[in-house]
Amino acid sequence: MKKIILCCVLGFIAFSLLMTFQARAGQVVTDEVRGWARRTLQEEKALKTAEGRNTVAVLYFQNKTGQPDLNPLQKGFALMLITDLSKVSTLQVVSFR
């Protein structure tokens, strides 16, 4: 019984070590890569954001009711939303068809 428990514990330790070494494999970060990342982050901070209009996208709905007679509402609700939201002057409505 003690041998079985000992084998299980040793097997778990070996498995844990193996997984740790595999997780670290290929994750070598050189000084060159670190420098590139730092420069890229600095350049990103220097970027200016473009002012744009408030944009909202309207997608078709999915009929998850299991009632096929409600399928036309998938597009119908989306079209109603697009129509109503396009009346709001501060919104730019984008639809995906």
Protein backbone atom coordinates (compact mmCIF):
# COMPACT_ATOMS: atom_id res chain seq x y z
CA MET A 1 0.00 0.00 0.00
CA LYS A 2 2.84 2.36 0.90
CA LYS A 3 4.55 1.57 -2.40
CA ILE A 4 1.42 2.52 -4.34
CA ILE A 5 1.10 5.84 -2.51
CA LEU A 6 4.82 6.52 -2.98
CA CYS A 7 4.57 5.74 -6.69
CA CYS A 8 1.56 8.05 -7.05
CA VAL A 9 3.32 10.90 -5.26
CA LEU A 10 6.51 10.47 -7.30
CA GLY A 11 4.48 10.23 -10.49
CA PHE A 12 2.64 13.43 -9.62
CA ILE A 13 5.91 15.25 -8.89
CA ALA A 14 7.45 14.02 -12.16
CA PHE A 15 4.35 15.07 -14.09
CA SER A 16 4.38 18.51 -12.45
CA LEU A 17 8.04 19.03 -13.30
CA LEU A 18 7.47 17.92 -16.86
CA MET A 19 4.57 20.33 -17.32
CA THR A 20 6.59 23.19 -15.80
CA PHE A 21 9.47 22.63 -18.21
CA GLN A 22 7.12 22.39 -21.19
CA ALA A 23 5.38 25.62 -20.21
CA ARG A 24 8.70 27.48 -20.20
CA ALA A 25 9.94 26.03 -23.47
CA GLY A 26 10.14 28.58 -26.27
CA GLN A 27 9.55 31.57 -24.01
CA VAL A 28 13.08 32.91 -24.11
CA VAL A 29 12.94 36.70 -24.32
CA THR A 30 16.13 38.32 -25.50
CA ASP A 31 17.28 41.85 -24.70
CA GLU A 32 16.62 42.74 -28.32
CA VAL A 33 12.98 41.67 -28.03
CA ARG A 34 12.58 43.55 -24.74
CA GLY A 35 14.00 46.70 -26.33
CA TRP A 36 11.68 46.36 -29.30
CA ALA A 37 8.69 45.95 -26.97
CA ARG A 38 9.66 49.03 -24.95
CA ARG A 39 10.10 51.15 -28.10
CA THR A 40 6.79 49.94 -29.48
CA LEU A 41 4.95 50.81 -26.26
CA GLN A 42 6.51 54.30 -26.24
CA GLU A 43 5.46 54.84 -29.86
CA GLU A 44 1.95 53.66 -29.03
CA LYS A 45 1.69 56.15 -26.16
CA ALA A 46 2.72 58.95 -28.54
CA LEU A 47 -0.08 58.17 -31.00
CA LYS A 48 -2.98 60.57 -31.12
CA THR A 49 -6.50 59.23 -31.26
CA ALA A 50 -8.78 60.35 -34.01
CA GLU A 51 -12.03 61.87 -32.89
CA GLY A 52 -14.91 59.99 -34.40
CA ARG A 53 -18.62 59.76 -34.15
CA ASN A 54 -20.28 57.40 -31.75
CA THR A 55 -20.77 54.24 -33.76
CA VAL A 56 -23.10 51.36 -33.04
CA ALA A 57 -23.35 48.11 -34.99
CA VAL A 58 -26.62 46.26 -35.33
CA LEU A 59 -26.49 42.54 -36.02
CA TYR A 60 -29.26 40.14 -36.88
CA PHE A 61 -30.86 38.40 -33.94
CA GLN A 62 -30.89 34.62 -33.54
CA ASN A 63 -34.11 32.73 -32.96
CA LYS A 64 -33.29 30.44 -30.02
CA THR A 65 -36.94 29.73 -29.16
CA GLY A 66 -37.24 26.61 -31.30
CA GLN A 67 -40.28 28.12 -33.01
CA PRO A 68 -39.51 28.50 -36.73
CA ASP A 69 -42.50 30.78 -37.28
CA LEU A 70 -40.54 33.50 -35.40
CA ASN A 71 -37.57 33.37 -37.83
CA PRO A 72 -38.63 36.51 -39.76
CA LEU A 73 -38.14 38.50 -36.55
CA GLN A 74 -34.40 37.82 -36.68
CA LYS A 75 -33.98 40.39 -39.44
CA GLY A 76 -37.11 42.37 -38.61
CA PHE A 77 -35.95 43.42 -35.14
CA ALA A 78 -32.53 44.37 -36.50
CA LEU A 79 -34.07 46.49 -39.26
CA MET A 80 -36.38 48.20 -36.76
CA LEU A 81 -33.39 49.01 -34.55
CA ILE A 82 -31.40 50.35 -37.51
CA THR A 83 -34.32 52.54 -38.53
CA ASP A 84 -34.86 53.94 -35.04
CA LEU A 85 -31.18 54.43 -34.21
CA SER A 86 -30.44 56.15 -37.53
CA LYS A 87 -32.76 58.97 -36.40
CA VAL A 88 -30.34 59.82 -33.58
CA SER A 89 -28.07 62.49 -35.06
CA THR A 90 -25.14 61.76 -32.73
CA LEU A 91 -24.95 58.09 -33.74
CA GLN A 92 -23.46 56.44 -36.77
CA VAL A 93 -25.28 53.15 -37.36
CA VAL A 94 -23.43 50.28 -39.00
CA SER A 95 -25.26 47.16 -40.06
CA PHE A 96 -23.77 43.80 -41.00
CA ARG A 97 -25.82 41.85 -43.47
